[in-house]
């Protein structure tokens, strides 16, 4: 079973409003990601809220695959939110990490990653586009304890760097795995490319 941890807890300070509520052609970023994940082989979607939780909650879909977790320590950064999601993913054979500001990834990419992971069972699977690593990586459950004990000041990449020999890079034909935004201007440029 692969669970997806969808991170929506950040302050979005450079964006000026919640990135989860960024307007796309078919709704908000969080609405699009939920729909894509519900169409994917991911068995559980764990949405981690923090800052702006009251504003984001009305946009969450009611579905048996969707679980919502509140990270009270969201001000400590993304690692604390990932750990809050991991705690809710008990029993998962693997977790997929997806920040809310990557809303342009294709459904087919999630399907390909899940299939490759299920068949080959690497400890770390990372999608690549033109040799550049992107999101969402998948981590085997054997790494969960290491993530849970990771200092919140350190990024998730700390664990990835410790396990270089365990990484499988998986090429995909999807620029969306690299397409993230921090400002409204960046989002506008991405929308022109993807929508």
N, C-alpha and C. Protein backbone atom coordinates (compact mmCIF):
# COMPACT_ATOMS: atom_id res chain seq x y z
N UNK A 1 0.83 -1.20 0.00
CA UNK A 1 0.00 0.00 0.00
C UNK A 1 0.87 1.25 0.00
N UNK A 2 0.63 2.13 -0.96
CA UNK A 2 1.35 3.41 -1.02
C UNK A 2 0.40 4.50 -0.55
N UNK A 3 0.86 5.28 0.42
CA UNK A 3 0.12 6.45 0.88
C UNK A 3 0.80 7.69 0.33
N UNK A 4 0.01 8.70 0.01
CA UNK A 4 0.58 9.97 -0.43
C UNK A 4 0.40 11.00 0.67
N UNK A 5 1.49 11.64 1.05
CA UNK A 5 1.43 12.73 2.02
C UNK A 5 1.44 14.03 1.24
N UNK A 6 0.32 14.72 1.26
CA UNK A 6 0.14 15.97 0.52
C UNK A 6 0.32 17.12 1.49
N UNK A 7 1.41 17.85 1.32
CA UNK A 7 1.78 18.90 2.27
C UNK A 7 1.12 20.24 1.92
N UNK A 8 0.29 20.72 2.84
CA UNK A 8 -0.43 21.99 2.64
C UNK A 8 -0.34 22.86 3.90
N UNK A 9 0.70 22.69 4.70
CA UNK A 9 0.73 23.32 6.01
C UNK A 9 1.54 24.61 6.06
N UNK A 10 2.25 24.93 4.97
CA UNK A 10 3.19 26.06 5.00
C UNK A 10 2.53 27.43 5.07
N UNK A 11 3.37 28.41 5.37
CA UNK A 11 2.91 29.79 5.52
C UNK A 11 2.72 30.50 4.18
N UNK A 12 3.31 29.96 3.10
CA UNK A 12 3.20 30.56 1.76
C UNK A 12 3.55 32.05 1.79
N UNK A 13 4.60 32.39 2.55
CA UNK A 13 4.91 33.80 2.77
C UNK A 13 5.24 34.57 1.50
N UNK A 14 5.96 33.95 0.57
CA UNK A 14 6.29 34.65 -0.68
C UNK A 14 5.10 34.74 -1.62
N UNK A 15 4.18 33.79 -1.52
CA UNK A 15 3.02 33.78 -2.41
C UNK A 15 1.97 34.80 -1.97
N UNK A 16 1.90 35.04 -0.66
CA UNK A 16 0.99 36.06 -0.15
C UNK A 16 -0.39 35.55 0.25
N UNK A 17 -0.70 34.32 -0.10
CA UNK A 17 -1.95 33.66 0.28
C UNK A 17 -1.68 32.16 0.22
N UNK A 18 -2.59 31.31 0.69
CA UNK A 18 -2.30 29.87 0.69
C UNK A 18 -2.07 29.33 -0.72
N UNK A 19 -0.92 28.67 -0.93
CA UNK A 19 -0.65 28.08 -2.25
C UNK A 19 -1.69 27.02 -2.59
N UNK A 20 -2.21 26.35 -1.59
CA UNK A 20 -3.23 25.32 -1.82
C UNK A 20 -4.45 25.88 -2.54
N UNK A 21 -4.70 27.18 -2.35
CA UNK A 21 -5.87 27.81 -2.95
C UNK A 21 -5.53 28.60 -4.21
N UNK A 22 -4.32 28.40 -4.73
CA UNK A 22 -3.94 29.05 -5.99
C UNK A 22 -4.92 28.65 -7.08
N UNK A 23 -5.38 29.64 -7.82
CA UNK A 23 -6.41 29.39 -8.85
C UNK A 23 -5.80 28.81 -10.12
N UNK A 24 -6.36 27.69 -10.56
CA UNK A 24 -5.99 27.06 -11.83
C UNK A 24 -7.23 27.05 -12.71
N UNK A 25 -7.12 26.52 -13.90
CA UNK A 25 -8.27 26.54 -14.82
C UNK A 25 -9.43 25.68 -14.33
N UNK A 26 -9.12 24.66 -13.54
CA UNK A 26 -10.15 23.71 -13.10
C UNK A 26 -10.34 23.72 -11.58
N UNK A 27 -10.16 24.87 -10.97
CA UNK A 27 -10.31 24.97 -9.53
C UNK A 27 -9.00 25.39 -8.87
N UNK A 28 -8.85 25.02 -7.62
CA UNK A 28 -7.64 25.37 -6.88
C UNK A 28 -6.59 24.26 -6.98
N UNK A 29 -5.36 24.59 -6.57
CA UNK A 29 -4.27 23.60 -6.60
C UNK A 29 -4.63 22.37 -5.78
N UNK A 30 -5.19 22.58 -4.59
CA UNK A 30 -5.51 21.44 -3.72
C UNK A 30 -6.65 20.59 -4.31
N UNK A 31 -7.60 21.23 -4.97
CA UNK A 31 -8.69 20.46 -5.59
C UNK A 31 -8.15 19.61 -6.73
N UNK A 32 -7.29 20.20 -7.54
CA UNK A 32 -6.73 19.45 -8.67
C UNK A 32 -5.92 18.26 -8.17
N UNK A 33 -5.07 18.48 -7.17
CA UNK A 33 -4.23 17.39 -6.69
C UNK A 33 -5.06 16.25 -6.09
N UNK A 34 -6.10 16.59 -5.36
CA UNK A 34 -6.96 15.54 -4.80
C UNK A 34 -7.58 14.69 -5.91
N UNK A 35 -8.10 15.35 -6.95
CA UNK A 35 -8.75 14.62 -8.05
C UNK A 35 -7.76 13.70 -8.76
N UNK A 36 -6.55 14.22 -9.01
CA UNK A 36 -5.53 13.41 -9.69
C UNK A 36 -5.13 12.22 -8.83
N UNK A 37 -4.94 12.45 -7.54
CA UNK A 37 -4.54 11.36 -6.64
C UNK A 37 -5.66 10.32 -6.49
N UNK A 38 -6.90 10.77 -6.49
CA UNK A 38 -8.01 9.82 -6.38
C UNK A 38 -8.12 8.94 -7.63
N UNK A 39 -7.61 9.44 -8.75
CA UNK A 39 -7.59 8.65 -9.99
C UNK A 39 -6.35 7.77 -10.11
N UNK A 40 -5.45 7.88 -9.15
CA UNK A 40 -4.17 7.16 -9.19
C UNK A 40 -4.25 5.90 -8.33
N UNK A 41 -3.20 5.03 -8.38
CA UNK A 41 -3.20 3.82 -7.54
C UNK A 41 -2.90 4.08 -6.06
N UNK A 42 -2.64 5.33 -5.68
CA UNK A 42 -2.39 5.64 -4.28
C UNK A 42 -3.60 5.21 -3.45
N UNK A 43 -3.34 4.49 -2.36
CA UNK A 43 -4.43 3.92 -1.58
C UNK A 43 -4.93 4.82 -0.46
N UNK A 44 -4.08 5.75 -0.03
CA UNK A 44 -4.47 6.65 1.05
C UNK A 44 -3.84 8.01 0.78
N UNK A 45 -4.62 9.06 0.94
CA UNK A 45 -4.14 10.43 0.75
C UNK A 45 -4.20 11.12 2.10
N UNK A 46 -3.04 11.51 2.60
CA UNK A 46 -2.96 12.17 3.90
C UNK A 46 -2.64 13.64 3.65
N UNK A 47 -3.61 14.50 3.91
CA UNK A 47 -3.44 15.93 3.67
C UNK A 47 -3.03 16.58 4.99
N UNK A 48 -1.85 17.21 4.98
CA UNK A 48 -1.32 17.83 6.20
C UNK A 48 -1.59 19.33 6.14
N UNK A 49 -2.39 19.81 7.08
CA UNK A 49 -2.71 21.23 7.17
C UNK A 49 -1.97 21.86 8.34
N UNK A 50 -1.86 23.17 8.30
CA UNK A 50 -1.21 23.91 9.38
C UNK A 50 -1.68 25.35 9.31
N UNK A 51 -0.84 26.23 8.76
CA UNK A 51 -1.27 27.60 8.51
C UNK A 51 -2.44 27.55 7.52
N UNK A 52 -3.38 28.44 7.67
CA UNK A 52 -4.54 28.56 6.76
C UNK A 52 -5.47 27.34 6.77
N UNK A 53 -5.37 26.49 7.78
CA UNK A 53 -6.24 25.30 7.81
C UNK A 53 -7.73 25.66 7.65
N UNK A 54 -8.25 26.68 8.35
CA UNK A 54 -9.68 26.99 8.19
C UNK A 54 -10.04 27.41 6.76
N UNK A 55 -9.12 28.10 6.09
CA UNK A 55 -9.38 28.54 4.72
C UNK A 55 -9.35 27.38 3.73
N UNK A 56 -8.48 26.40 3.98
CA UNK A 56 -8.28 25.29 3.05
C UNK A 56 -9.35 24.20 3.21
N UNK A 57 -9.79 23.97 4.44
CA UNK A 57 -10.71 22.85 4.71
C UNK A 57 -11.94 22.80 3.80
N UNK A 58 -12.57 23.93 3.46
CA UNK A 58 -13.75 23.84 2.58
C UNK A 58 -13.45 23.28 1.19
N UNK A 59 -12.18 23.25 0.81
CA UNK A 59 -11.80 22.75 -0.52
C UNK A 59 -11.38 21.28 -0.51
N UNK A 60 -11.45 20.66 0.66
CA UNK A 60 -11.07 19.25 0.75
C UNK A 60 -12.26 18.37 0.38
N UNK A 61 -11.97 17.36 -0.42
CA UNK A 61 -13.02 16.44 -0.86
C UNK A 61 -13.33 15.42 0.23
N UNK A 62 -14.58 15.03 0.33
CA UNK A 62 -14.96 14.00 1.29
C UNK A 62 -14.87 12.65 0.58
N UNK A 63 -13.88 11.86 0.96
CA UNK A 63 -13.66 10.56 0.32
C UNK A 63 -12.98 9.64 1.32
N UNK A 64 -13.30 8.36 1.26
CA UNK A 64 -12.74 7.40 2.23
C UNK A 64 -11.23 7.29 2.14
N UNK A 65 -10.64 7.64 0.97
CA UNK A 65 -9.18 7.56 0.82
C UNK A 65 -8.47 8.78 1.41
N UNK A 66 -9.22 9.84 1.71
CA UNK A 66 -8.60 11.09 2.16
C UNK A 66 -8.67 11.21 3.68
N UNK A 67 -7.50 11.40 4.28
CA UNK A 67 -7.39 11.65 5.72
C UNK A 67 -6.76 13.03 5.90
N UNK A 68 -7.21 13.78 6.89
CA UNK A 68 -6.68 15.11 7.14
C UNK A 68 -5.98 15.12 8.49
N UNK A 69 -4.76 15.67 8.49
CA UNK A 69 -3.94 15.75 9.71
C UNK A 69 -3.58 17.22 9.92
N UNK A 70 -3.62 17.67 11.17
CA UNK A 70 -3.20 19.05 11.46
C UNK A 70 -1.83 19.02 12.12
N UNK A 71 -0.88 19.73 11.54
CA UNK A 71 0.46 19.84 12.12
C UNK A 71 0.51 21.10 12.96
N UNK A 72 0.40 20.94 14.27
CA UNK A 72 0.44 22.12 15.14
C UNK A 72 1.81 22.78 15.14
N UNK A 73 2.83 22.04 14.69
CA UNK A 73 4.19 22.59 14.65
C UNK A 73 4.58 23.06 13.25
N UNK A 74 3.60 23.47 12.44
CA UNK A 74 3.88 23.81 11.04
C UNK A 74 4.92 24.92 10.89
N UNK A 75 5.05 25.79 11.91
CA UNK A 75 6.03 26.88 11.82
C UNK A 75 7.46 26.35 11.84
N UNK A 76 7.63 25.08 12.23
CA UNK A 76 8.97 24.47 12.25
C UNK A 76 9.41 24.01 10.86
N UNK A 77 8.52 24.09 9.88
CA UNK A 77 8.93 23.80 8.51
C UNK A 77 8.37 22.51 7.94
N UNK A 78 8.77 22.26 6.68
CA UNK A 78 8.23 21.15 5.90
C UNK A 78 8.51 19.78 6.51
N UNK A 79 9.69 19.62 7.11
CA UNK A 79 10.02 18.32 7.70
C UNK A 79 9.03 17.95 8.80
N UNK A 80 8.65 18.93 9.61
CA UNK A 80 7.69 18.65 10.69
C UNK A 80 6.34 18.22 10.11
N UNK A 81 5.97 18.81 8.97
CA UNK A 81 4.70 18.43 8.34
C UNK A 81 4.77 17.04 7.73
N UNK A 82 5.92 16.71 7.13
CA UNK A 82 6.09 15.37 6.57
C UNK A 82 6.00 14.33 7.68
N UNK A 83 6.63 14.63 8.82
CA UNK A 83 6.58 13.70 9.96
C UNK A 83 5.15 13.54 10.50
N UNK A 84 4.39 14.61 10.50
CA UNK A 84 2.98 14.52 10.94
C UNK A 84 2.20 13.61 9.99
N UNK A 85 2.49 13.72 8.71
CA UNK A 85 1.85 12.85 7.73
C UNK A 85 2.28 11.41 7.88
N UNK A 86 3.58 11.21 8.11
CA UNK A 86 4.11 9.85 8.30
C UNK A 86 3.47 9.16 9.49
N UNK A 87 3.27 9.91 10.55
CA UNK A 87 2.65 9.33 11.75
C UNK A 87 1.25 8.80 11.44
N UNK A 88 0.59 9.42 10.46
CA UNK A 88 -0.76 8.99 10.08
C UNK A 88 -0.74 7.90 9.01
N UNK A 89 0.47 7.55 8.54
CA UNK A 89 0.60 6.56 7.46
C UNK A 89 1.03 5.20 7.98
N UNK A 90 0.77 4.94 9.25
CA UNK A 90 1.17 3.65 9.84
C UNK A 90 0.59 2.51 9.02
N UNK A 91 1.44 1.52 8.74
CA UNK A 91 0.99 0.36 7.98
C UNK A 91 1.24 0.46 6.49
N UNK A 92 1.57 1.66 6.01
CA UNK A 92 1.84 1.81 4.57
C UNK A 92 3.18 1.17 4.23
N UNK A 93 3.24 0.48 3.09
CA UNK A 93 4.51 -0.10 2.64
C UNK A 93 5.45 0.98 2.13
N UNK A 94 4.87 2.12 1.74
CA UNK A 94 5.67 3.23 1.23
C UNK A 94 4.85 4.51 1.31
N UNK A 95 5.56 5.63 1.31
CA UNK A 95 4.89 6.93 1.26
C UNK A 95 5.45 7.76 0.11
N UNK A 96 4.56 8.47 -0.51
CA UNK A 96 4.88 9.39 -1.60
C UNK A 96 4.79 10.80 -1.00
N UNK A 97 5.76 11.65 -1.30
CA UNK A 97 5.78 13.01 -0.76
C UNK A 97 5.41 14.00 -1.86
N UNK A 98 4.33 14.75 -1.63
CA UNK A 98 3.87 15.70 -2.63
C UNK A 98 3.54 17.06 -2.00
N UNK A 99 4.37 18.08 -2.24
CA UNK A 99 4.01 19.43 -1.78
C UNK A 99 2.87 19.99 -2.63
N UNK A 100 2.04 20.82 -2.05
CA UNK A 100 0.86 21.34 -2.74
C UNK A 100 1.22 22.24 -3.92
N UNK A 101 2.45 22.76 -3.94
CA UNK A 101 2.82 23.67 -5.03
C UNK A 101 3.41 22.95 -6.25
N UNK A 102 3.04 21.68 -6.42
CA UNK A 102 3.37 20.91 -7.64
C UNK A 102 2.06 20.40 -8.25
N UNK A 103 1.20 21.30 -8.74
CA UNK A 103 -0.13 20.86 -9.19
C UNK A 103 -0.23 20.44 -10.65
N UNK A 104 0.91 20.39 -11.35
CA UNK A 104 0.84 20.11 -12.79
C UNK A 104 1.33 18.71 -13.17
N UNK A 105 1.47 17.82 -12.20
CA UNK A 105 1.92 16.45 -12.47
C UNK A 105 0.76 15.64 -13.05
N UNK A 106 1.05 14.86 -14.07
CA UNK A 106 0.02 14.06 -14.75
C UNK A 106 -0.39 12.83 -13.92
N UNK A 107 -1.63 12.43 -14.08
CA UNK A 107 -2.11 11.20 -13.42
C UNK A 107 -1.26 10.01 -13.84
N UNK A 108 -0.89 9.95 -15.12
CA UNK A 108 -0.09 8.83 -15.63
C UNK A 108 1.24 8.70 -14.89
N UNK A 109 1.80 9.83 -14.47
CA UNK A 109 3.08 9.79 -13.74
C UNK A 109 2.91 9.09 -12.40
N UNK A 110 1.84 9.41 -11.69
CA UNK A 110 1.57 8.73 -10.42
C UNK A 110 1.38 7.23 -10.65
N UNK A 111 0.69 6.88 -11.71
CA UNK A 111 0.47 5.47 -12.03
C UNK A 111 1.78 4.75 -12.32
N UNK A 112 2.64 5.37 -13.14
CA UNK A 112 3.92 4.76 -13.50
C UNK A 112 4.81 4.58 -12.28
N UNK A 113 4.87 5.61 -11.43
CA UNK A 113 5.71 5.53 -10.24
C UNK A 113 5.22 4.43 -9.30
N UNK A 114 3.91 4.38 -9.07
CA UNK A 114 3.34 3.36 -8.18
C UNK A 114 3.59 1.96 -8.71
N UNK A 115 3.42 1.77 -10.02
CA UNK A 115 3.65 0.46 -10.63
C UNK A 115 5.11 0.05 -10.51
N UNK A 116 6.02 0.99 -10.80
CA UNK A 116 7.45 0.66 -10.74
C UNK A 116 7.85 0.33 -9.30
N UNK A 117 7.35 1.11 -8.36
CA UNK A 117 7.70 0.85 -6.96
C UNK A 117 7.17 -0.51 -6.52
N UNK A 118 5.93 -0.80 -6.83
CA UNK A 118 5.31 -2.07 -6.42
C UNK A 118 6.04 -3.27 -7.01
N UNK A 119 6.48 -3.13 -8.25
CA UNK A 119 7.16 -4.24 -8.93
C UNK A 119 8.60 -4.42 -8.45
N UNK A 120 9.33 -3.32 -8.28
CA UNK A 120 10.78 -3.40 -8.02
C UNK A 120 11.19 -3.13 -6.58
N UNK A 121 10.31 -2.51 -5.81
CA UNK A 121 10.52 -2.26 -4.38
C UNK A 121 11.86 -1.61 -4.02
N UNK A 122 12.22 -0.49 -4.65
CA UNK A 122 13.43 0.23 -4.22
C UNK A 122 13.16 0.92 -2.88
N UNK A 123 14.20 1.31 -2.18
CA UNK A 123 13.98 2.05 -0.92
C UNK A 123 13.55 3.48 -1.22
N UNK A 124 14.14 4.06 -2.28
CA UNK A 124 13.80 5.43 -2.68
C UNK A 124 13.61 5.45 -4.19
N UNK A 125 12.48 5.95 -4.63
CA UNK A 125 12.20 6.09 -6.06
C UNK A 125 11.92 7.57 -6.34
N UNK A 126 12.69 8.14 -7.28
CA UNK A 126 12.54 9.57 -7.59
C UNK A 126 12.29 9.75 -9.08
N UNK A 127 11.22 10.45 -9.46
CA UNK A 127 11.00 10.70 -10.88
C UNK A 127 11.99 11.72 -11.42
N UNK A 128 12.37 11.55 -12.67
CA UNK A 128 13.26 12.52 -13.32
C UNK A 128 12.67 12.94 -14.66
N UNK A 129 12.96 14.18 -15.02
CA UNK A 129 12.61 14.69 -16.35
C UNK A 129 13.86 15.34 -16.92
N UNK A 130 14.32 14.83 -18.05
CA UNK A 130 15.57 15.29 -18.67
C UNK A 130 16.70 15.32 -17.63
N UNK A 131 16.80 14.23 -16.89
CA UNK A 131 17.86 13.98 -15.89
C UNK A 131 17.77 14.85 -14.64
N UNK A 132 16.70 15.60 -14.49
CA UNK A 132 16.51 16.42 -13.28
C UNK A 132 15.49 15.75 -12.37
N UNK A 133 15.85 15.61 -11.10
CA UNK A 133 14.95 14.98 -10.13
C UNK A 133 13.82 15.92 -9.73
N UNK A 134 12.64 15.33 -9.56
CA UNK A 134 11.48 16.14 -9.17
C UNK A 134 10.61 15.44 -8.15
N UNK A 135 9.36 15.83 -8.11
CA UNK A 135 8.37 15.26 -7.19
C UNK A 135 7.35 14.43 -7.96
N UNK A 136 6.76 13.43 -7.32
CA UNK A 136 6.87 13.05 -5.91
C UNK A 136 7.82 11.86 -5.71
N UNK A 137 8.78 11.96 -4.79
CA UNK A 137 9.57 10.78 -4.47
C UNK A 137 8.72 9.78 -3.67
N UNK A 138 9.11 8.52 -3.73
CA UNK A 138 8.46 7.48 -2.92
C UNK A 138 9.52 6.86 -2.01
N UNK A 139 9.18 6.73 -0.73
CA UNK A 139 10.10 6.18 0.26
C UNK A 139 9.52 4.90 0.86
N UNK A 140 10.34 3.84 0.88
CA UNK A 140 9.91 2.58 1.48
C UNK A 140 9.74 2.73 2.99
N UNK A 141 8.91 1.88 3.56
CA UNK A 141 8.62 1.96 5.00
C UNK A 141 9.86 1.74 5.86
N UNK A 142 10.89 1.09 5.31
CA UNK A 142 12.13 0.86 6.08
C UNK A 142 12.83 2.17 6.44
N UNK A 143 12.44 3.28 5.80
CA UNK A 143 13.05 4.59 6.09
C UNK A 143 12.19 5.43 7.04
N UNK A 144 11.01 4.96 7.36
CA UNK A 144 10.07 5.78 8.14
C UNK A 144 10.65 6.21 9.49
N UNK A 145 11.27 5.28 10.21
CA UNK A 145 11.82 5.62 11.53
C UNK A 145 12.91 6.68 11.41
N UNK A 146 13.70 6.58 10.36
CA UNK A 146 14.77 7.57 10.16
C UNK A 146 14.18 8.96 9.91
N UNK A 147 13.11 9.01 9.14
CA UNK A 147 12.45 10.30 8.91
C UNK A 147 11.84 10.84 10.21
N UNK A 148 11.23 9.96 10.98
CA UNK A 148 10.56 10.40 12.20
C UNK A 148 11.52 10.96 13.24
N UNK A 149 12.78 10.51 13.20
CA UNK A 149 13.77 11.01 14.16
C UNK A 149 14.60 12.15 13.58
N UNK A 150 14.31 12.56 12.36
CA UNK A 150 15.05 13.64 11.70
C UNK A 150 14.74 14.97 12.39
N UNK A 151 15.79 15.74 12.65
CA UNK A 151 15.61 17.07 13.24
C UNK A 151 14.79 17.93 12.29
N UNK A 152 13.85 18.69 12.83
CA UNK A 152 13.00 19.53 11.98
C UNK A 152 13.77 20.61 11.23
N UNK A 153 14.97 20.93 11.71
CA UNK A 153 15.79 21.93 11.01
C UNK A 153 16.42 21.36 9.75
N UNK A 154 16.41 20.03 9.61
CA UNK A 154 17.00 19.38 8.45
C UNK A 154 15.91 19.02 7.45
N UNK A 155 16.23 19.12 6.19
CA UNK A 155 15.25 18.79 5.16
C UNK A 155 15.17 17.29 4.92
N UNK A 156 14.11 16.88 4.25
CA UNK A 156 13.92 15.48 3.87
C UNK A 156 15.10 15.00 3.02
N UNK A 157 15.70 15.93 2.27
CA UNK A 157 16.86 15.58 1.44
C UNK A 157 18.02 15.01 2.25
N UNK A 158 18.06 15.32 3.54
CA UNK A 158 19.12 14.78 4.41
C UNK A 158 19.11 13.26 4.37
N UNK A 159 17.93 12.67 4.47
CA UNK A 159 17.82 11.21 4.44
C UNK A 159 18.15 10.69 3.04
N UNK A 160 17.70 11.39 2.03
CA UNK A 160 18.01 10.99 0.65
C UNK A 160 19.52 10.95 0.43
N UNK A 161 20.22 11.98 0.91
CA UNK A 161 21.68 12.04 0.74
C UNK A 161 22.39 10.90 1.48
N UNK A 162 21.82 10.46 2.59
CA UNK A 162 22.43 9.36 3.35
C UNK A 162 22.29 8.02 2.63
N UNK A 163 21.36 7.94 1.70
CA UNK A 163 21.04 6.66 1.06
C UNK A 163 21.18 6.72 -0.46
N UNK A 164 22.26 7.34 -0.92
CA UNK A 164 22.47 7.49 -2.37
C UNK A 164 22.41 6.15 -3.10
N UNK A 165 22.97 5.12 -2.48
CA UNK A 165 23.03 3.81 -3.14
C UNK A 165 21.65 3.16 -3.26
N UNK A 166 20.69 3.66 -2.49
CA UNK A 166 19.34 3.08 -2.50
C UNK A 166 18.38 3.79 -3.44
N UNK A 167 18.86 4.84 -4.11
CA UNK A 167 17.98 5.65 -4.96
C UNK A 167 17.85 5.03 -6.35
N UNK A 168 16.63 4.94 -6.82
CA UNK A 168 16.37 4.59 -8.21
C UNK A 168 15.74 5.81 -8.87
N UNK A 169 16.41 6.33 -9.89
CA UNK A 169 15.86 7.44 -10.68
C UNK A 169 14.97 6.86 -11.76
N UNK A 170 13.77 7.41 -11.88
CA UNK A 170 12.79 6.87 -12.83
C UNK A 170 12.39 7.97 -13.82
N UNK A 171 12.87 7.87 -15.08
CA UNK A 171 12.56 8.91 -16.07
C UNK A 171 11.07 8.90 -16.46
N UNK A 172 10.49 10.09 -16.50
CA UNK A 172 9.10 10.24 -16.94
C UNK A 172 9.01 11.37 -17.96
N UNK A 173 8.02 11.28 -18.83
CA UNK A 173 7.79 12.34 -19.81
C UNK A 173 6.75 13.31 -19.22
N UNK A 174 7.20 14.03 -18.21
CA UNK A 174 6.27 14.92 -17.50
C UNK A 174 7.04 16.08 -16.87
N UNK A 175 6.99 17.23 -17.51
CA UNK A 175 7.66 18.43 -16.97
C UNK A 175 7.03 18.86 -15.66
N UNK A 176 5.82 18.40 -15.40
CA UNK A 176 5.13 18.80 -14.18
C UNK A 176 5.84 18.40 -12.90
N UNK A 177 6.70 17.39 -12.97
CA UNK A 177 7.42 16.96 -11.76
C UNK A 177 8.41 18.01 -11.27
N UNK A 178 8.73 18.97 -12.15
CA UNK A 178 9.67 20.05 -11.81
C UNK A 178 8.97 21.38 -11.61
N UNK A 179 7.68 21.44 -11.95
CA UNK A 179 6.96 22.72 -12.02
C UNK A 179 6.37 23.12 -10.68
N UNK A 180 7.08 23.99 -9.98
CA UNK A 180 6.63 24.48 -8.68
C UNK A 180 6.61 26.01 -8.71
N UNK A 181 5.91 26.60 -7.76
CA UNK A 181 5.82 28.06 -7.73
C UNK A 181 5.91 28.58 -6.30
N UNK A 182 6.51 29.77 -6.17
CA UNK A 182 6.58 30.45 -4.88
C UNK A 182 5.92 31.82 -4.92
N UNK A 183 5.75 32.35 -6.15
CA UNK A 183 5.15 33.67 -6.30
C UNK A 183 4.02 33.60 -7.33
N UNK A 184 3.17 34.61 -7.33
CA UNK A 184 2.07 34.68 -8.29
C UNK A 184 2.60 34.76 -9.71
N UNK A 185 3.71 35.47 -9.90
CA UNK A 185 4.32 35.59 -11.22
C UNK A 185 4.78 34.22 -11.73
N UNK A 186 5.40 33.44 -10.85
CA UNK A 186 5.84 32.09 -11.24
C UNK A 186 4.65 31.21 -11.60
N UNK A 187 3.57 31.33 -10.85
CA UNK A 187 2.37 30.55 -11.14
C UNK A 187 1.78 30.95 -12.49
N UNK A 188 1.74 32.25 -12.77
CA UNK A 188 1.20 32.74 -14.04
C UNK A 188 1.98 32.16 -15.21
N UNK A 189 3.31 32.12 -15.09
CA UNK A 189 4.15 31.55 -16.16
C UNK A 189 3.89 30.06 -16.33
N UNK A 190 3.73 29.34 -15.24
CA UNK A 190 3.46 27.90 -15.31
C UNK A 190 2.10 27.63 -15.94
N UNK A 191 1.11 28.43 -15.58
CA UNK A 191 -0.23 28.24 -16.14
C UNK A 191 -0.20 28.43 -17.66
N UNK A 192 0.62 29.36 -18.12
CA UNK A 192 0.74 29.59 -19.57
C UNK A 192 1.33 28.37 -20.27
N UNK A 193 2.20 27.63 -19.57
CA UNK A 193 2.84 26.44 -20.14
C UNK A 193 1.96 25.19 -20.06
N UNK A 194 1.22 25.05 -18.98
CA UNK A 194 0.54 23.79 -18.71
C UNK A 194 -0.97 23.81 -18.95
N UNK A 195 -1.57 24.99 -18.99
CA UNK A 195 -3.04 25.03 -19.09
C UNK A 195 -3.45 25.56 -20.45
